[in-house]
PDB file of N, CA and C in Angstrom:
ATOM      1  N   UNK A   1     -45.607 -42.805 -17.477  1.00  0.00           N
ATOM      2  CA  UNK A   1     -46.091 -44.086 -17.423  1.00  0.00           C
ATOM      3  C   UNK A   1     -44.744 -44.855 -16.941  1.00  0.00           C
ATOM      4  N   UNK A   2     -44.949 -45.688 -15.843  1.00  0.00           N
ATOM      5  CA  UNK A   2     -43.684 -46.328 -15.342  1.00  0.00           C
ATOM      6  C   UNK A   2     -43.907 -47.900 -15.401  1.00  0.00           C
ATOM      7  N   UNK A   3     -44.976 -48.440 -15.861  1.00  0.00           N
ATOM      8  CA  UNK A   3     -45.043 -49.974 -16.015  1.00  0.00           C
ATOM      9  C   UNK A   3     -45.369 -50.316 -17.487  1.00  0.00           C
ATOM     10  N   UNK A   4     -44.966 -51.413 -17.758  1.00  0.00           N
ATOM     11  CA  UNK A   4     -45.089 -52.021 -19.061  1.00  0.00           C
ATOM     12  C   UNK A   4     -46.660 -52.240 -19.330  1.00  0.00           C
ATOM     13  N   UNK A   5     -47.203 -51.917 -20.459  1.00  0.00           N
ATOM     14  CA  UNK A   5     -48.516 -52.151 -20.772  1.00  0.00           C
ATOM     15  C   UNK A   5     -48.909 -53.581 -21.028  1.00  0.00           C
ATOM     16  N   UNK A   6     -47.855 -54.305 -21.411  1.00  0.00           N
ATOM     17  CA  UNK A   6     -48.171 -55.722 -21.862  1.00  0.00           C
ATOM     18  C   UNK A   6     -47.733 -56.688 -20.773  1.00  0.00           C
ATOM     19  N   UNK A   7     -47.790 -56.217 -19.461  1.00  0.00           N
ATOM     20  CA  UNK A   7     -47.362 -57.137 -18.397  1.00  0.00           C
ATOM     21  C   UNK A   7     -48.470 -58.247 -18.231  1.00  0.00           C
ATOM     22  N   UNK A   8     -48.054 -59.515 -18.281  1.00  0.00           N
ATOM     23  CA  UNK A   8     -48.904 -60.586 -18.197  1.00  0.00           C
ATOM     24  C   UNK A   8     -49.231 -61.303 -19.461  1.00  0.00           C
ATOM     25  N   UNK A   9     -48.749 -60.617 -20.695  1.00  0.00           N
ATOM     26  CA  UNK A   9     -48.998 -61.218 -21.937  1.00  0.00           C
ATOM     27  C   UNK A   9     -47.935 -62.059 -22.293  1.00  0.00           C
ATOM     28  N   UNK A  10     -48.353 -63.182 -22.895  1.00  0.00           N
ATOM     29  CA  UNK A  10     -47.363 -64.286 -23.123  1.00  0.00           C
ATOM     30  C   UNK A  10     -46.569 -64.203 -24.427  1.00  0.00           C
ATOM     31  N   UNK A  11     -46.507 -63.023 -24.992  1.00  0.00           N
ATOM     32  CA  UNK A  11     -45.672 -62.974 -26.218  1.00  0.00           C
ATOM     33  C   UNK A  11     -44.769 -61.568 -26.164  1.00  0.00           C
ATOM     34  N   UNK A  12     -43.648 -61.714 -26.668  1.00  0.00           N
ATOM     35  CA  UNK A  12     -42.800 -60.473 -26.703  1.00  0.00           C
ATOM     36  C   UNK A  12     -43.334 -59.304 -27.517  1.00  0.00           C
ATOM     37  N   UNK A  13     -42.973 -58.150 -27.131  1.00  0.00           N
ATOM     38  CA  UNK A  13     -43.543 -56.990 -27.860  1.00  0.00           C
ATOM     39  C   UNK A  13     -42.356 -56.067 -28.168  1.00  0.00           C
ATOM     40  N   UNK A  14     -42.494 -55.130 -29.075  1.00  0.00           N
ATOM     41  CA  UNK A  14     -41.554 -54.157 -29.433  1.00  0.00           C
ATOM     42  C   UNK A  14     -41.628 -52.961 -28.567  1.00  0.00           C
ATOM     43  N   UNK A  15     -40.499 -52.285 -28.199  1.00  0.00           N
ATOM     44  CA  UNK A  15     -40.583 -51.077 -27.387  1.00  0.00           C
ATOM     45  C   UNK A  15     -41.344 -49.935 -28.079  1.00  0.00           C
ATOM     46  N   UNK A  16     -41.523 -50.134 -29.364  1.00  0.00           N
ATOM     47  CA  UNK A  16     -42.242 -49.001 -30.214  1.00  0.00           C
ATOM     48  C   UNK A  16     -43.722 -49.073 -29.674  1.00  0.00           C
ATOM     49  N   UNK A  17     -44.269 -50.175 -29.316  1.00  0.00           N
ATOM     50  CA  UNK A  17     -45.713 -50.340 -29.061  1.00  0.00           C
ATOM     51  C   UNK A  17     -46.012 -49.979 -27.495  1.00  0.00           C
ATOM     52  N   UNK A  18     -44.964 -49.893 -26.649  1.00  0.00           N
ATOM     53  CA  UNK A  18     -45.138 -49.658 -25.167  1.00  0.00           C
ATOM     54  C   UNK A  18     -44.416 -48.435 -24.780  1.00  0.00           C
ATOM     55  N   UNK A  19     -45.054 -47.406 -24.328  1.00  0.00           N
ATOM     56  CA  UNK A  19     -44.408 -46.212 -23.895  1.00  0.00           C
ATOM     57  C   UNK A  19     -43.376 -46.376 -22.783  1.00  0.00           C
ATOM     58  N   UNK A  20     -43.646 -47.330 -21.852  1.00  0.00           N
ATOM     59  CA  UNK A  20     -42.678 -47.592 -20.729  1.00  0.00           C
ATOM     60  C   UNK A  20     -41.492 -48.245 -21.296  1.00  0.00           C
ATOM     61  N   UNK A  21     -41.553 -49.126 -22.107  1.00  0.00           N
ATOM     62  CA  UNK A  21     -40.441 -49.936 -22.718  1.00  0.00           C
ATOM     63  C   UNK A  21     -39.701 -48.954 -23.538  1.00  0.00           C
ATOM     64  N   UNK A  22     -40.314 -48.161 -24.482  1.00  0.00           N
ATOM     65  CA  UNK A  22     -39.702 -47.211 -25.218  1.00  0.00           C
ATOM     66  C   UNK A  22     -38.888 -46.259 -24.366  1.00  0.00           C
ATOM     67  N   UNK A  23     -39.349 -45.660 -23.312  1.00  0.00           N
ATOM     68  CA  UNK A  23     -38.639 -44.836 -22.447  1.00  0.00           C
ATOM     69  C   UNK A  23     -37.341 -45.451 -21.983  1.00  0.00           C
ATOM     70  N   UNK A  24     -37.514 -46.714 -21.491  1.00  0.00           N
ATOM     71  CA  UNK A  24     -36.418 -47.423 -20.954  1.00  0.00           C
ATOM     72  C   UNK A  24     -35.347 -47.617 -22.051  1.00  0.00           C
ATOM     73  N   UNK A  25     -35.763 -47.912 -23.223  1.00  0.00           N
ATOM     74  CA  UNK A  25     -34.792 -48.160 -24.297  1.00  0.00           C
ATOM     75  C   UNK A  25     -34.089 -46.845 -24.632  1.00  0.00           C
ATOM     76  N   UNK A  26     -34.767 -45.810 -24.693  1.00  0.00           N
ATOM     77  CA  UNK A  26     -34.149 -44.490 -24.994  1.00  0.00           C
ATOM     78  C   UNK A  26     -33.159 -44.024 -23.887  1.00  0.00           C
ATOM     79  N   UNK A  27     -33.518 -44.350 -22.632  1.00  0.00           N
ATOM     80  CA  UNK A  27     -32.599 -44.000 -21.510  1.00  0.00           C
ATOM     81  C   UNK A  27     -31.422 -44.915 -21.593  1.00  0.00           C
ATOM     82  N   UNK A  28     -31.520 -46.126 -22.009  1.00  0.00           N
ATOM     83  CA  UNK A  28     -30.408 -47.009 -22.143  1.00  0.00           C
ATOM     84  C   UNK A  28     -29.478 -46.587 -23.251  1.00  0.00           C
ATOM     85  N   UNK A  29     -30.020 -46.097 -24.467  1.00  0.00           N
ATOM     86  CA  UNK A  29     -29.291 -45.518 -25.463  1.00  0.00           C
ATOM     87  C   UNK A  29     -28.583 -44.254 -25.082  1.00  0.00           C
ATOM     88  N   UNK A  30     -29.341 -43.424 -24.403  1.00  0.00           N
ATOM     89  CA  UNK A  30     -28.605 -42.187 -23.929  1.00  0.00           C
ATOM     90  C   UNK A  30     -27.433 -42.406 -23.016  1.00  0.00           C
ATOM     91  N   UNK A  31     -27.605 -43.357 -22.063  1.00  0.00           N
ATOM     92  CA  UNK A  31     -26.549 -43.701 -21.098  1.00  0.00           C
ATOM     93  C   UNK A  31     -25.430 -44.336 -21.875  1.00  0.00           C
ATOM     94  N   UNK A  32     -25.606 -45.149 -22.910  1.00  0.00           N
ATOM     95  CA  UNK A  32     -24.479 -45.775 -23.619  1.00  0.00           C
ATOM     96  C   UNK A  32     -23.756 -44.695 -24.433  1.00  0.00           C
ATOM     97  N   UNK A  33     -24.473 -43.705 -25.033  1.00  0.00           N
ATOM     98  CA  UNK A  33     -23.786 -42.585 -25.732  1.00  0.00           C
ATOM     99  C   UNK A  33     -22.975 -41.730 -24.878  1.00  0.00           C
ATOM    100  N   UNK A  34     -23.497 -41.462 -23.637  1.00  0.00           N
ATOM    101  CA  UNK A  34     -22.751 -40.597 -22.726  1.00  0.00           C
ATOM    102  C   UNK A  34     -21.511 -41.346 -22.210  1.00  0.00           C
ATOM    103  N   UNK A  35     -21.551 -42.687 -21.992  1.00  0.00           N
ATOM    104  CA  UNK A  35     -20.421 -43.353 -21.559  1.00  0.00           C
ATOM    105  C   UNK A  35     -19.387 -43.399 -22.730  1.00  0.00           C
ATOM    106  N   UNK A  36     -19.723 -43.500 -24.022  1.00  0.00           N
ATOM    107  CA  UNK A  36     -18.847 -43.562 -25.112  1.00  0.00           C
ATOM    108  C   UNK A  36     -18.153 -42.179 -25.171  1.00  0.00           C
ATOM    109  N   UNK A  37     -18.995 -41.082 -25.007  1.00  0.00           N
ATOM    110  CA  UNK A  37     -18.385 -39.755 -25.042  1.00  0.00           C
ATOM    111  C   UNK A  37     -17.365 -39.554 -23.879  1.00  0.00           C
ATOM    112  N   UNK A  38     -17.680 -40.023 -22.684  1.00  0.00           N
ATOM    113  CA  UNK A  38     -16.730 -39.962 -21.546  1.00  0.00           C
ATOM    114  C   UNK A  38     -15.387 -40.733 -22.004  1.00  0.00           C
ATOM    115  N   UNK A  39     -15.457 -41.892 -22.577  1.00  0.00           N
ATOM    116  CA  UNK A  39     -14.322 -42.682 -22.892  1.00  0.00           C
ATOM    117  C   UNK A  39     -13.457 -42.014 -23.900  1.00  0.00           C
ATOM    118  N   UNK A  40     -14.146 -41.369 -24.879  1.00  0.00           N
ATOM    119  CA  UNK A  40     -13.348 -40.590 -25.955  1.00  0.00           C
ATOM    120  C   UNK A  40     -12.733 -39.358 -25.327  1.00  0.00           C
ATOM    121  N   UNK A  41     -13.406 -38.801 -24.425  1.00  0.00           N
ATOM    122  CA  UNK A  41     -12.801 -37.569 -23.768  1.00  0.00           C
ATOM    123  C   UNK A  41     -11.578 -37.908 -22.958  1.00  0.00           C
ATOM    124  N   UNK A  42     -11.761 -39.138 -22.237  1.00  0.00           N
ATOM    125  CA  UNK A  42     -10.572 -39.574 -21.450  1.00  0.00           C
ATOM    126  C   UNK A  42      -9.475 -39.811 -22.324  1.00  0.00           C
ATOM    127  N   UNK A  43      -9.611 -40.469 -23.543  1.00  0.00           N
ATOM    128  CA  UNK A  43      -8.567 -40.781 -24.386  1.00  0.00           C
ATOM    129  C   UNK A  43      -7.889 -39.442 -24.890  1.00  0.00           C
ATOM    130  N   UNK A  44      -8.760 -38.520 -25.139  1.00  0.00           N
ATOM    131  CA  UNK A  44      -8.229 -37.186 -25.733  1.00  0.00           C
ATOM    132  C   UNK A  44      -7.291 -36.489 -24.636  1.00  0.00           C
ATOM    133  N   UNK A  45      -7.851 -36.531 -23.387  1.00  0.00           N
ATOM    134  CA  UNK A  45      -7.041 -35.831 -22.341  1.00  0.00           C
ATOM    135  C   UNK A  45      -5.769 -36.562 -22.055  1.00  0.00           C
ATOM    136  N   UNK A  46      -5.745 -37.975 -22.290  1.00  0.00           N
ATOM    137  CA  UNK A  46      -4.501 -38.717 -22.018  1.00  0.00           C
ATOM    138  C   UNK A  46      -3.508 -38.367 -23.208  1.00  0.00           C
ATOM    139  N   UNK A  47      -3.941 -38.174 -24.349  1.00  0.00           N
ATOM    140  CA  UNK A  47      -3.154 -37.774 -25.391  1.00  0.00           C
ATOM    141  C   UNK A  47      -2.616 -36.333 -25.309  1.00  0.00           C
ATOM    142  N   UNK A  48      -3.368 -35.468 -24.779  1.00  0.00           N
ATOM    143  CA  UNK A  48      -3.022 -34.103 -24.538  1.00  0.00           C
ATOM    144  C   UNK A  48      -1.962 -34.058 -23.450  1.00  0.00           C
ATOM    145  N   UNK A  49      -2.045 -34.905 -22.395  1.00  0.00           N
ATOM    146  CA  UNK A  49      -0.973 -34.850 -21.288  1.00  0.00           C
ATOM    147  C   UNK A  49       0.290 -35.465 -21.825  1.00  0.00           C
ATOM    148  N   UNK A  50       0.185 -36.463 -22.779  1.00  0.00           N
ATOM    149  CA  UNK A  50       1.392 -37.106 -23.246  1.00  0.00           C
ATOM    150  C   UNK A  50       2.023 -36.329 -24.398  1.00  0.00           C
ATOM    151  N   UNK A  51       1.477 -35.248 -24.771  1.00  0.00           N
ATOM    152  CA  UNK A  51       1.881 -34.418 -26.047  1.00  0.00           C
ATOM    153  C   UNK A  51       1.723 -35.205 -27.190  1.00  0.00           C
ATOM    154  N   UNK A  52       0.833 -36.052 -27.340  1.00  0.00           N
ATOM    155  CA  UNK A  52       0.626 -36.849 -28.530  1.00  0.00           C
ATOM    156  C   UNK A  52      -0.561 -36.226 -29.324  1.00  0.00           C
ATOM    157  N   UNK A  53      -1.208 -35.308 -28.718  1.00  0.00           N
ATOM    158  CA  UNK A  53      -2.424 -34.640 -29.401  1.00  0.00           C
ATOM    159  C   UNK A  53      -1.883 -33.568 -30.290  1.00  0.00           C
ATOM    160  N   UNK A  54      -2.314 -33.564 -31.595  1.00  0.00           N
ATOM    161  CA  UNK A  54      -1.898 -32.602 -32.504  1.00  0.00           C
ATOM    162  C   UNK A  54      -3.115 -31.941 -33.069  1.00  0.00           C
ATOM    163  N   UNK A  55      -3.264 -30.578 -32.900  1.00  0.00           N
ATOM    164  CA  UNK A  55      -4.460 -29.810 -33.311  1.00  0.00           C
ATOM    165  C   UNK A  55      -4.352 -29.727 -34.960  1.00  0.00           C
ATOM    166  N   UNK A  56      -5.352 -30.098 -35.598  1.00  0.00           N
ATOM    167  CA  UNK A  56      -5.231 -29.901 -37.037  1.00  0.00           C
ATOM    168  C   UNK A  56      -5.389 -28.497 -37.420  1.00  0.00           C
ATOM    169  N   UNK A  57      -4.500 -28.058 -38.411  1.00  0.00           N
ATOM    170  CA  UNK A  57      -4.530 -26.746 -38.950  1.00  0.00           C
ATOM    171  C   UNK A  57      -5.640 -26.543 -39.844  1.00  0.00           C
ATOM    172  N   UNK A  58      -6.419 -25.508 -39.821  1.00  0.00           N
ATOM    173  CA  UNK A  58      -7.552 -25.301 -40.704  1.00  0.00           C
ATOM    174  C   UNK A  58      -6.982 -25.030 -42.140  1.00  0.00           C
ATOM    175  N   UNK A  59      -7.593 -25.776 -43.140  1.00  0.00           N
ATOM    176  CA  UNK A  59      -7.193 -25.646 -44.413  1.00  0.00           C
ATOM    177  C   UNK A  59      -7.636 -24.367 -45.046  1.00  0.00           C
ATOM    178  N   UNK A  60      -6.983 -23.606 -45.824  1.00  0.00           N
ATOM    179  CA  UNK A  60      -7.353 -22.455 -46.376  1.00  0.00           C
ATOM    180  C   UNK A  60      -8.346 -22.648 -47.486  1.00  0.00           C
ATOM    181  N   UNK A  61      -9.555 -22.127 -47.406  1.00  0.00           N
ATOM    182  CA  UNK A  61     -10.634 -22.242 -48.440  1.00  0.00           C
ATOM    183  C   UNK A  61     -10.337 -21.340 -49.510  1.00  0.00           C
ATOM    184  N   UNK A  62     -10.359 -21.871 -50.777  1.00  0.00           N
ATOM    185  CA  UNK A  62     -10.296 -20.977 -51.879  1.00  0.00           C
ATOM    186  C   UNK A  62     -11.556 -20.004 -51.935  1.00  0.00           C
ATOM    187  N   UNK A  63     -11.170 -18.803 -52.361  1.00  0.00           N
ATOM    188  CA  UNK A  63     -12.219 -17.788 -52.427  1.00  0.00           C
ATOM    189  C   UNK A  63     -13.190 -18.190 -53.650  1.00  0.00           C
ATOM    190  N   UNK A  64     -14.437 -18.109 -53.462  1.00  0.00           N
ATOM    191  CA  UNK A  64     -15.324 -18.320 -54.577  1.00  0.00           C
ATOM    192  C   UNK A  64     -15.267 -17.416 -55.706  1.00  0.00           C
ATOM    193  N   UNK A  65     -15.378 -17.851 -56.909  1.00  0.00           N
ATOM    194  CA  UNK A  65     -15.274 -17.015 -58.132  1.00  0.00           C
ATOM    195  C   UNK A  65     -16.717 -16.830 -58.613  1.00  0.00           C
ATOM    196  N   UNK A  66     -17.221 -15.713 -58.735  1.00  0.00           N
ATOM    197  CA  UNK A  66     -18.458 -15.375 -59.145  1.00  0.00           C
ATOM    198  C   UNK A  66     -18.430 -14.825 -60.657  1.00  0.00           C
ATOM    199  N   UNK A  67     -19.292 -15.482 -61.394  1.00  0.00           N
ATOM    200  CA  UNK A  67     -19.260 -15.087 -62.901  1.00  0.00           C
ATOM    201  C   UNK A  67     -20.762 -14.333 -63.065  1.00  0.00           C
ATOM    202  N   UNK A  68     -20.666 -13.125 -63.519  1.00  0.00           N
ATOM    203  CA  UNK A  68     -21.978 -12.363 -63.765  1.00  0.00           C
ATOM    204  C   UNK A  68     -22.503 -12.861 -65.096  1.00  0.00           C
ATOM    205  N   UNK A  69     -23.839 -12.885 -65.199  1.00  0.00           N
ATOM    206  CA  UNK A  69     -24.470 -13.231 -66.401  1.00  0.00           C
ATOM    207  C   UNK A  69     -24.287 -12.068 -67.424  1.00  0.00           C
ATOM    208  N   UNK A  70     -24.252 -12.668 -68.697  1.00  0.00           N
ATOM    209  CA  UNK A  70     -24.078 -11.687 -69.835  1.00  0.00           C
ATOM    210  C   UNK A  70     -25.256 -10.791 -70.024  1.00  0.00           C
ATOM    211  N   UNK A  71     -25.124  -9.497 -69.870  1.00  0.00           N
ATOM    212  CA  UNK A  71     -26.260  -8.618 -69.970  1.00  0.00           C
ATOM    213  C   UNK A  71     -26.328  -7.838 -71.248  1.00  0.00           C
ATOM    214  N   UNK A  72     -25.410  -8.160 -72.238  1.00  0.00           N
ATOM    215  CA  UNK A  72     -25.474  -7.400 -73.493  1.00  0.00           C
ATOM    216  C   UNK A  72     -26.624  -7.877 -74.324  1.00  0.00           C
ATOM    217  N   UNK A  73     -27.279  -6.868 -74.912  1.00  0.00           N
ATOM    218  CA  UNK A  73     -28.495  -7.155 -75.684  1.00  0.00           C
ATOM    219  C   UNK A  73     -28.172  -8.012 -76.883  1.00  0.00           C
ATOM    220  N   UNK A  74     -28.884  -9.027 -77.126  1.00  0.00           N
ATOM    221  CA  UNK A  74     -28.691  -9.926 -78.289  1.00  0.00           C
ATOM    222  C   UNK A  74     -29.520  -9.456 -79.480  1.00  0.00           C
ATOM    223  N   UNK A  75     -29.057  -9.564 -80.690  1.00  0.00           N
ATOM    224  CA  UNK A  75     -29.728  -9.151 -81.778  1.00  0.00           C
ATOM    225  C   UNK A  75     -30.323 -10.325 -82.360  1.00  0.00           C
ATOM    226  N   UNK A  76     -31.704 -10.388 -82.550  1.00  0.00           N
ATOM    227  CA  UNK A  76     -32.399 -11.563 -83.034  1.00  0.00           C
ATOM    228  C   UNK A  76     -32.303 -11.624 -84.610  1.00  0.00           C
ATOM    229  N   UNK A  77     -31.882 -12.705 -85.048  1.00  0.00           N
ATOM    230  CA  UNK A  77     -31.744 -12.910 -86.518  1.00  0.00           C
ATOM    231  C   UNK A  77     -33.313 -13.249 -87.073  1.00  0.00           C
ATOM    232  N   UNK A  78     -33.577 -12.828 -88.202  1.00  0.00           N
ATOM    233  CA  UNK A  78     -34.888 -13.064 -88.777  1.00  0.00           C
ATOM    234  C   UNK A  78     -35.105 -14.532 -88.827  1.00  0.00           C
ATOM    235  N   UNK A  79     -36.175 -15.043 -88.278  1.00  0.00           N
ATOM    236  CA  UNK A  79     -36.624 -16.478 -88.310  1.00  0.00           C
ATOM    237  C   UNK A  79     -35.928 -17.281 -87.293  1.00  0.00           C
ATOM    238  N   UNK A  80     -35.095 -16.791 -86.520  1.00  0.00           N
ATOM    239  CA  UNK A  80     -34.352 -17.568 -85.514  1.00  0.00           C
ATOM    240  C   UNK A  80     -35.263 -18.153 -84.481  1.00  0.00           C
ATOM    241  N   UNK A  81     -36.237 -17.412 -84.118  1.00  0.00           N
ATOM    242  CA  UNK A  81     -37.090 -17.874 -83.008  1.00  0.00           C
ATOM    243  C   UNK A  81     -38.375 -18.567 -83.578  1.00  0.00           C
ATOM    244  N   UNK A  82     -38.453 -18.663 -84.811  1.00  0.00           N
ATOM    245  CA  UNK A  82     -39.676 -19.315 -85.444  1.00  0.00           C
ATOM    246  C   UNK A  82     -40.477 -18.239 -86.113  1.00  0.00           C
ATOM    247  N   UNK A  83     -41.681 -18.571 -86.467  1.00  0.00           N
ATOM    248  CA  UNK A  83     -42.614 -17.674 -87.169  1.00  0.00           C
ATOM    249  C   UNK A  83     -42.666 -17.983 -88.626  1.00  0.00           C
ATOM    250  N   UNK A  84     -43.289 -17.129 -89.429  1.00  0.00           N
ATOM    251  CA  UNK A  84     -43.461 -17.336 -90.814  1.00  0.00           C
ATOM    252  C   UNK A  84     -42.779 -16.364 -91.600  1.00  0.00           C
ATOM    253  N   UNK A  85     -42.145 -16.837 -92.620  1.00  0.00           N
ATOM    254  CA  UNK A  85     -41.502 -15.776 -93.637  1.00  0.00           C
ATOM    255  C   UNK A  85     -42.439 -15.557 -94.720  1.00  0.00           C
ATOM    256  N   UNK A  86     -42.831 -14.308 -94.986  1.00  0.00           N
ATOM    257  CA  UNK A  86     -43.752 -14.008 -95.992  1.00  0.00           C
ATOM    258  C   UNK A  86     -43.004 -13.299 -97.081  1.00  0.00           C
TER     259      UNK A  86
END
């Protein structure tokens, strides 16, 4: 759809309600994001050329410690779980 559905209506509308306006808005957002990415890449390349770019060293991650559940059989005391004493 290439034309706005609300052409000729005398009130403003939201791009959410018009597929053509929504596509235009999304295309503008994509273009702005790509321009920002290009600007950041240019800055990075300039810093790399001037030797001002420093690669961060990866931090050593501590090894995870696993604790196994206690599997020893437990002895039940009389009346510990409830019930009746006779």
